[in-house]
Amino acid sequence: MTATVEEPNELGRTSERLHPSMGQAFTLVAVGLAIILVLAALGGPWFAVVTRTTSTNSTAVDDRGYGITGFSGTDTVPGLRAGVSGNYLPWPAVRSALVWTQVLIASVLILGFPVLVLTLIGAARSRPVRLAPILGFAAGTLTLITPIVYALTFPVAAQLDGLFDFGASFVGSVSMQNPDATVVRTWGPGWAWIGLLIAGVLLLTSSGRGIYVSRRRSRTPGSSG
């Protein structure tokens, strides 16, 4: 009777080792995608400002994307499109504010790469490494905190330095009318900022699943590793 009960369980555990579950595949893809998004954010725009100037005969568009080390964008007028880029050396308040963001994003990568490696190891042996979801939870939390800190500090610092003249809000728009033209300016999060939020959600989701699986295994008689 005892052999009849234990034998299927042993066969199930052997099969699980040989065939990674869909859950493990999801965790691997989620962690990998999160790391890619974090790396992409290093060079992408966290804050975007678009200024559209419309006159009787033409429309000019200035598009700026502000990252954690500098800015870039384009100036477009009828018949001409020019690229612009620069750093934050002329703006000391911006540089100081960005230090916090840079420290946080570095911490995310310091935690994130071991999570990816441990997740790969867990997928290879078809059993999750218990440390991976713990580090993943920490990395996910920091990943969500980082864009929030940026949103609270960068616009304020940019206004103090005179980089922006539209206030310290992270999202908004303003329209100005003068005799010669209408100027409409909109600003808000760039794709890198949004990508970090997605990365944080992916890391927290995958780590939450990993913690759940580890606890379930610890309660299962005869489980190990």
C-alpha atoms as a PDB file:
ATOM      1  CA  MET A   1       0.000   0.000   0.000  1.00  0.00           C
ATOM      2  CA  THR A   2       2.827   2.362   0.879  1.00  0.00           C
ATOM      3  CA  ALA A   3       4.706   1.644  -2.343  1.00  0.00           C
ATOM      4  CA  THR A   4       1.549   2.321  -4.351  1.00  0.00           C
ATOM      5  CA  VAL A   5       1.219   5.847  -2.861  1.00  0.00           C
ATOM      6  CA  GLU A   6       4.863   6.925  -2.999  1.00  0.00           C
ATOM      7  CA  GLU A   7       5.766   5.590  -6.423  1.00  0.00           C
ATOM      8  CA  PRO A   8       3.579   8.022  -8.434  1.00  0.00           C
ATOM      9  CA  ASN A   9       4.930  10.933  -6.361  1.00  0.00           C
ATOM     10  CA  GLU A  10       8.492   9.901  -7.124  1.00  0.00           C
ATOM     11  CA  LEU A  11       7.646   9.541 -10.802  1.00  0.00           C
ATOM     12  CA  GLY A  12       6.053  13.001 -10.740  1.00  0.00           C
ATOM     13  CA  ARG A  13       9.147  14.571  -9.211  1.00  0.00           C
ATOM     14  CA  THR A  14      11.373  12.851 -11.762  1.00  0.00           C
ATOM     15  CA  SER A  15       9.182  14.074 -14.608  1.00  0.00           C
ATOM     16  CA  GLU A  16       9.259  17.618 -13.194  1.00  0.00           C
ATOM     17  CA  ARG A  17      13.059  17.581 -13.172  1.00  0.00           C
ATOM     18  CA  LEU A  18      13.163  16.446 -16.783  1.00  0.00           C
ATOM     19  CA  HIS A  19      10.481  18.810 -18.104  1.00  0.00           C
ATOM     20  CA  PRO A  20      10.558  22.481 -16.987  1.00  0.00           C
ATOM     21  CA  SER A  21       7.093  23.809 -16.241  1.00  0.00           C
ATOM     22  CA  MET A  22       5.355  26.655 -18.029  1.00  0.00           C
ATOM     23  CA  GLY A  23       5.710  28.611 -14.794  1.00  0.00           C
ATOM     24  CA  GLN A  24       9.488  28.320 -14.908  1.00  0.00           C
ATOM     25  CA  ALA A  25       9.472  29.388 -18.553  1.00  0.00           C
ATOM     26  CA  PHE A  26       7.367  32.430 -17.651  1.00  0.00           C
ATOM     27  CA  THR A  27       9.776  33.346 -14.850  1.00  0.00           C
ATOM     28  CA  LEU A  28      12.775  33.114 -17.158  1.00  0.00           C
ATOM     29  CA  VAL A  29      11.145  35.219 -19.871  1.00  0.00           C
ATOM     30  CA  ALA A  30       9.866  37.788 -17.360  1.00  0.00           C
ATOM     31  CA  VAL A  31      13.247  38.243 -15.690  1.00  0.00           C
ATOM     32  CA  GLY A  32      15.078  38.394 -19.021  1.00  0.00           C
ATOM     33  CA  LEU A  33      12.674  40.976 -20.430  1.00  0.00           C
ATOM     34  CA  ALA A  34      12.906  43.041 -17.234  1.00  0.00           C
ATOM     35  CA  ILE A  35      16.706  43.180 -17.453  1.00  0.00           C
ATOM     36  CA  ILE A  36      16.502  44.202 -21.125  1.00  0.00           C
ATOM     37  CA  LEU A  37      14.102  47.031 -20.249  1.00  0.00           C
ATOM     38  CA  VAL A  38      16.362  48.255 -17.446  1.00  0.00           C
ATOM     39  CA  LEU A  39      19.403  48.235 -19.733  1.00  0.00           C
ATOM     40  CA  ALA A  40      17.452  50.063 -22.450  1.00  0.00           C
ATOM     41  CA  ALA A  41      16.429  52.703 -19.911  1.00  0.00           C
ATOM     42  CA  LEU A  42      20.088  53.644 -19.385  1.00  0.00           C
ATOM     43  CA  GLY A  43      20.138  55.321 -22.786  1.00  0.00           C
ATOM     44  CA  GLY A  44      16.474  56.128 -23.344  1.00  0.00           C
ATOM     45  CA  PRO A  45      14.329  59.180 -22.527  1.00  0.00           C
ATOM     46  CA  TRP A  46      12.784  59.237 -19.060  1.00  0.00           C
ATOM     47  CA  PHE A  47      11.112  62.594 -19.609  1.00  0.00           C
ATOM     48  CA  ALA A  48       9.807  63.960 -22.912  1.00  0.00           C
ATOM     49  CA  VAL A  49       8.970  67.541 -23.899  1.00  0.00           C
ATOM     50  CA  VAL A  50       7.359  68.451 -27.222  1.00  0.00           C
ATOM     51  CA  THR A  51       6.959  72.098 -28.262  1.00  0.00           C
ATOM     52  CA  ARG A  52       4.814  72.805 -31.308  1.00  0.00           C
ATOM     53  CA  THR A  53       4.850  76.332 -32.726  1.00  0.00           C
ATOM     54  CA  THR A  54       2.173  77.041 -35.318  1.00  0.00           C
ATOM     55  CA  SER A  55       2.118  80.230 -37.362  1.00  0.00           C
ATOM     56  CA  THR A  56       0.091  81.238 -40.371  1.00  0.00           C
ATOM     57  CA  ASN A  57       2.399  79.602 -42.890  1.00  0.00           C
ATOM     58  CA  SER A  58       4.281  76.870 -41.047  1.00  0.00           C
ATOM     59  CA  THR A  59       4.620  74.599 -38.034  1.00  0.00           C
ATOM     60  CA  ALA A  60       7.827  73.947 -36.107  1.00  0.00           C
ATOM     61  CA  VAL A  61       8.233  71.044 -33.673  1.00  0.00           C
ATOM     62  CA  ASP A  62      10.928  70.746 -31.023  1.00  0.00           C
ATOM     63  CA  ASP A  63      11.111  67.255 -29.527  1.00  0.00           C
ATOM     64  CA  ARG A  64      13.316  66.596 -26.481  1.00  0.00           C
ATOM     65  CA  GLY A  65      13.960  63.427 -24.517  1.00  0.00           C
ATOM     66  CA  TYR A  66      15.762  63.690 -21.169  1.00  0.00           C
ATOM     67  CA  GLY A  67      17.586  60.658 -19.794  1.00  0.00           C
ATOM     68  CA  ILE A  68      19.708  60.076 -16.712  1.00  0.00           C
ATOM     69  CA  THR A  69      22.975  61.213 -18.317  1.00  0.00           C
ATOM     70  CA  GLY A  70      21.895  63.699 -20.983  1.00  0.00           C
ATOM     71  CA  PHE A  71      19.246  64.744 -23.474  1.00  0.00           C
ATOM     72  CA  SER A  72      18.609  64.397 -27.197  1.00  0.00           C
ATOM     73  CA  GLY A  73      15.932  65.260 -29.697  1.00  0.00           C
ATOM     74  CA  THR A  74      15.069  66.895 -32.982  1.00  0.00           C
ATOM     75  CA  ASP A  75      14.132  70.352 -34.232  1.00  0.00           C
ATOM     76  CA  THR A  76      11.794  70.188 -37.205  1.00  0.00           C
ATOM     77  CA  VAL A  77      10.755  73.086 -39.438  1.00  0.00           C
ATOM     78  CA  PRO A  78       9.400  72.920 -42.996  1.00  0.00           C
ATOM     79  CA  GLY A  79      12.172  71.508 -45.163  1.00  0.00           C
ATOM     80  CA  LEU A  80      14.649  70.935 -42.320  1.00  0.00           C
ATOM     81  CA  ARG A  81      15.104  68.394 -39.538  1.00  0.00           C
ATOM     82  CA  ALA A  82      18.091  68.703 -37.198  1.00  0.00           C
ATOM     83  CA  GLY A  83      19.206  66.517 -34.315  1.00  0.00           C
ATOM     84  CA  VAL A  84      20.284  67.969 -30.983  1.00  0.00           C
ATOM     85  CA  SER A  85      21.952  66.423 -27.933  1.00  0.00           C
ATOM     86  CA  GLY A  86      23.778  67.469 -24.803  1.00  0.00           C
ATOM     87  CA  ASN A  87      24.604  66.751 -21.175  1.00  0.00           C
ATOM     88  CA  TYR A  88      23.675  68.307 -17.846  1.00  0.00           C
ATOM     89  CA  LEU A  89      26.959  70.066 -17.080  1.00  0.00           C
ATOM     90  CA  PRO A  90      25.374  73.568 -17.168  1.00  0.00           C
ATOM     91  CA  TRP A  91      22.664  72.526 -14.678  1.00  0.00           C
ATOM     92  CA  PRO A  92      24.062  71.625 -11.227  1.00  0.00           C
ATOM     93  CA  ALA A  93      20.695  71.045  -9.543  1.00  0.00           C
ATOM     94  CA  VAL A  94      19.749  68.529 -12.242  1.00  0.00           C
ATOM     95  CA  ARG A  95      23.057  66.693 -11.836  1.00  0.00           C
ATOM     96  CA  SER A  96      22.583  66.487  -8.075  1.00  0.00           C
ATOM     97  CA  ALA A  97      19.009  65.251  -8.395  1.00  0.00           C
ATOM     98  CA  LEU A  98      19.991  62.581 -10.896  1.00  0.00           C
ATOM     99  CA  VAL A  99      22.570  61.077  -8.527  1.00  0.00           C
ATOM    100  CA  TRP A 100      19.756  59.382  -6.581  1.00  0.00           C
ATOM    101  CA  THR A 101      18.283  57.931  -9.750  1.00  0.00           C
ATOM    102  CA  GLN A 102      21.665  56.730 -10.962  1.00  0.00           C
ATOM    103  CA  VAL A 103      22.409  55.020  -7.639  1.00  0.00           C
ATOM    104  CA  LEU A 104      19.027  53.284  -7.701  1.00  0.00           C
ATOM    105  CA  ILE A 105      19.348  52.073 -11.292  1.00  0.00           C
ATOM    106  CA  ALA A 106      22.847  50.759 -10.532  1.00  0.00           C
ATOM    107  CA  SER A 107      21.446  48.873  -7.533  1.00  0.00           C
ATOM    108  CA  VAL A 108      18.736  47.368  -9.725  1.00  0.00           C
ATOM    109  CA  LEU A 109      21.363  46.023 -12.126  1.00  0.00           C
ATOM    110  CA  ILE A 110      23.566  44.739  -9.286  1.00  0.00           C
ATOM    111  CA  LEU A 111      20.620  42.703  -8.022  1.00  0.00           C
ATOM    112  CA  GLY A 112      19.074  41.960 -11.395  1.00  0.00           C
ATOM    113  CA  PHE A 113      21.957  40.141 -13.068  1.00  0.00           C
ATOM    114  CA  PRO A 114      22.313  37.553 -10.256  1.00  0.00           C
ATOM    115  CA  VAL A 115      18.542  37.019 -10.444  1.00  0.00           C
ATOM    116  CA  LEU A 116      18.855  36.270 -14.168  1.00  0.00           C
ATOM    117  CA  VAL A 117      21.774  33.890 -13.602  1.00  0.00           C
ATOM    118  CA  LEU A 118      20.023  32.052 -10.771  1.00  0.00           C
ATOM    119  CA  THR A 119      16.843  31.834 -12.835  1.00  0.00           C
ATOM    120  CA  LEU A 120      18.814  30.281 -15.693  1.00  0.00           C
ATOM    121  CA  ILE A 121      20.348  27.773 -13.277  1.00  0.00           C
ATOM    122  CA  GLY A 122      16.920  26.926 -11.900  1.00  0.00           C
ATOM    123  CA  ALA A 123      15.510  26.426 -15.394  1.00  0.00           C
ATOM    124  CA  ALA A 124      18.450  24.202 -16.359  1.00  0.00           C
ATOM    125  CA  ARG A 125      17.898  21.871 -13.438  1.00  0.00           C
ATOM    126  CA  SER A 126      14.102  22.284 -13.534  1.00  0.00           C
ATOM    127  CA  ARG A 127      13.988  23.361  -9.906  1.00  0.00           C
ATOM    128  CA  PRO A 128      14.001  27.055  -8.893  1.00  0.00           C
ATOM    129  CA  VAL A 129      16.886  28.375  -6.802  1.00  0.00           C
ATOM    130  CA  ARG A 130      15.380  29.661  -3.568  1.00  0.00           C
ATOM    131  CA  LEU A 131      17.568  32.787  -3.441  1.00  0.00           C
ATOM    132  CA  ALA A 132      16.387  33.973  -6.879  1.00  0.00           C
ATOM    133  CA  PRO A 133      12.861  35.144  -5.902  1.00  0.00           C
ATOM    134  CA  ILE A 134      14.197  36.945  -2.815  1.00  0.00           C
ATOM    135  CA  LEU A 135      16.708  38.910  -4.872  1.00  0.00           C
ATOM    136  CA  GLY A 136      14.052  39.366  -7.559  1.00  0.00           C
ATOM    137  CA  PHE A 137      11.645  40.897  -5.057  1.00  0.00           C
ATOM    138  CA  ALA A 138      14.314  43.365  -3.918  1.00  0.00           C
ATOM    139  CA  ALA A 139      15.233  44.218  -7.510  1.00  0.00           C
ATOM    140  CA  GLY A 140      11.577  44.641  -8.490  1.00  0.00           C
ATOM    141  CA  THR A 141      10.889  46.944  -5.561  1.00  0.00           C
ATOM    142  CA  LEU A 142      13.889  49.139  -6.401  1.00  0.00           C
ATOM    143  CA  THR A 143      12.896  49.143 -10.068  1.00  0.00           C
ATOM    144  CA  LEU A 144       9.481  50.581  -9.197  1.00  0.00           C
ATOM    145  CA  ILE A 145      10.955  53.099  -6.761  1.00  0.00           C
ATOM    146  CA  THR A 146      13.489  54.435  -9.289  1.00  0.00           C
ATOM    147  CA  PRO A 147      11.083  56.102 -11.777  1.00  0.00           C
ATOM    148  CA  ILE A 148       9.031  57.498  -8.886  1.00  0.00           C
ATOM    149  CA  VAL A 149      12.121  59.161  -7.416  1.00  0.00           C
ATOM    150  CA  TYR A 150      12.994  60.528 -10.848  1.00  0.00           C
ATOM    151  CA  ALA A 151       9.503  61.945 -11.357  1.00  0.00           C
ATOM    152  CA  LEU A 152       9.631  63.694  -7.972  1.00  0.00           C
ATOM    153  CA  THR A 153      13.125  65.165  -8.317  1.00  0.00           C
ATOM    154  CA  PHE A 154      14.010  65.839 -11.964  1.00  0.00           C
ATOM    155  CA  PRO A 155      11.315  68.405 -12.901  1.00  0.00           C
ATOM    156  CA  VAL A 156      11.914  70.367  -9.689  1.00  0.00           C
ATOM    157  CA  ALA A 157      15.667  70.466 -10.278  1.00  0.00           C
ATOM    158  CA  ALA A 158      15.190  71.391 -13.943  1.00  0.00           C
ATOM    159  CA  GLN A 159      12.986  74.313 -12.953  1.00  0.00           C
ATOM    160  CA  LEU A 160      15.511  75.514 -10.358  1.00  0.00           C
ATOM    161  CA  ASP A 161      18.250  75.495 -12.986  1.00  0.00           C
ATOM    162  CA  GLY A 162      16.073  77.233 -15.564  1.00  0.00           C
ATOM    163  CA  LEU A 163      16.125  74.266 -17.918  1.00  0.00           C
ATOM    164  CA  PHE A 164      12.313  74.347 -18.028  1.00  0.00           C
ATOM    165  CA  ASP A 165       9.951  77.279 -17.761  1.00  0.00           C
ATOM    166  CA  PHE A 166       6.663  75.411 -17.362  1.00  0.00           C
ATOM    167  CA  GLY A 167       6.787  74.484 -13.695  1.00  0.00           C
ATOM    168  CA  ALA A 168       7.832  71.421 -11.732  1.00  0.00           C
ATOM    169  CA  SER A 169       5.094  68.966 -12.714  1.00  0.00           C
ATOM    170  CA  PHE A 170       6.002  65.653 -14.329  1.00  0.00           C
ATOM    171  CA  VAL A 171       2.983  65.589 -16.653  1.00  0.00           C
ATOM    172  CA  GLY A 172       1.194  68.514 -18.228  1.00  0.00           C
ATOM    173  CA  SER A 173       0.621  70.828 -21.143  1.00  0.00           C
ATOM    174  CA  VAL A 174       0.353  74.550 -21.760  1.00  0.00           C
ATOM    175  CA  SER A 175      -0.747  76.690 -24.682  1.00  0.00           C
ATOM    176  CA  MET A 176       0.545  80.211 -25.316  1.00  0.00           C
ATOM    177  CA  GLN A 177      -0.888  82.618 -27.865  1.00  0.00           C
ATOM    178  CA  ASN A 178       1.025  85.564 -29.304  1.00  0.00           C
ATOM    179  CA  PRO A 179       0.357  87.768 -32.330  1.00  0.00           C
ATOM    180  CA  ASP A 180       2.585  85.717 -34.623  1.00  0.00           C
ATOM    181  CA  ALA A 181       2.032  82.112 -33.547  1.00  0.00           C
ATOM    182  CA  THR A 182       0.481  79.632 -31.140  1.00  0.00           C
ATOM    183  CA  VAL A 183       2.860  77.631 -28.974  1.00  0.00           C
ATOM    184  CA  VAL A 184       1.668  74.359 -27.460  1.00  0.00           C
ATOM    185  CA  ARG A 185       3.994  72.509 -25.110  1.00  0.00           C
ATOM    186  CA  THR A 186       3.337  69.050 -23.674  1.00  0.00           C
ATOM    187  CA  TRP A 187       5.515  67.038 -21.331  1.00  0.00           C
ATOM    188  CA  GLY A 188       5.415  63.716 -19.547  1.00  0.00           C
ATOM    189  CA  PRO A 189       7.118  60.344 -19.083  1.00  0.00           C
ATOM    190  CA  GLY A 190       9.314  58.957 -21.838  1.00  0.00           C
ATOM    191  CA  TRP A 191       9.334  55.332 -22.963  1.00  0.00           C
ATOM    192  CA  ALA A 192      12.320  54.475 -20.742  1.00  0.00           C
ATOM    193  CA  TRP A 193      10.422  55.639 -17.633  1.00  0.00           C
ATOM    194  CA  ILE A 194       7.389  53.555 -18.601  1.00  0.00           C
ATOM    195  CA  GLY A 195       9.643  50.606 -19.416  1.00  0.00           C
ATOM    196  CA  LEU A 196      11.054  50.674 -15.887  1.00  0.00           C
ATOM    197  CA  LEU A 197       7.574  50.395 -14.407  1.00  0.00           C
ATOM    198  CA  ILE A 198       6.910  47.382 -16.620  1.00  0.00           C
ATOM    199  CA  ALA A 199      10.259  45.862 -15.592  1.00  0.00           C
ATOM    200  CA  GLY A 200       9.394  46.313 -11.922  1.00  0.00           C
ATOM    201  CA  VAL A 201       6.035  44.607 -12.353  1.00  0.00           C
ATOM    202  CA  LEU A 202       7.663  41.711 -14.225  1.00  0.00           C
ATOM    203  CA  LEU A 203      10.280  41.209 -11.513  1.00  0.00           C
ATOM    204  CA  LEU A 204       7.740  41.353  -8.687  1.00  0.00           C
ATOM    205  CA  THR A 205       5.374  38.988 -10.491  1.00  0.00           C
ATOM    206  CA  SER A 206       8.078  36.432 -11.223  1.00  0.00           C
ATOM    207  CA  SER A 207       9.541  36.661  -7.715  1.00  0.00           C
ATOM    208  CA  GLY A 208       6.094  36.323  -6.161  1.00  0.00           C
ATOM    209  CA  ARG A 209       5.546  33.135  -8.100  1.00  0.00           C
ATOM    210  CA  GLY A 210       9.004  31.875  -7.086  1.00  0.00           C
ATOM    211  CA  ILE A 211       8.349  32.527  -3.398  1.00  0.00           C
ATOM    212  CA  TYR A 212       5.016  30.744  -3.631  1.00  0.00           C
ATOM    213  CA  VAL A 213       6.588  27.711  -5.323  1.00  0.00           C
ATOM    214  CA  SER A 214       9.421  27.567  -2.778  1.00  0.00           C
ATOM    215  CA  ARG A 215       7.002  27.634   0.140  1.00  0.00           C
ATOM    216  CA  ARG A 216       4.834  24.966  -1.454  1.00  0.00           C
ATOM    217  CA  ARG A 217       7.856  22.741  -2.016  1.00  0.00           C
ATOM    218  CA  SER A 218       9.015  23.237   1.582  1.00  0.00           C
ATOM    219  CA  ARG A 219       5.656  21.906   2.799  1.00  0.00           C
ATOM    220  CA  THR A 220       5.710  18.918   0.433  1.00  0.00           C
ATOM    221  CA  PRO A 221       6.937  15.728   2.158  1.00  0.00           C
ATOM    222  CA  GLY A 222      10.113  14.408   0.566  1.00  0.00           C
ATOM    223  CA  SER A 223      10.882  17.635  -1.372  1.00  0.00           C
ATOM    224  CA  SER A 224      14.447  18.915  -1.439  1.00  0.00           C
ATOM    225  CA  GLY A 225      16.663  21.563  -3.098  1.00  0.00           C
END
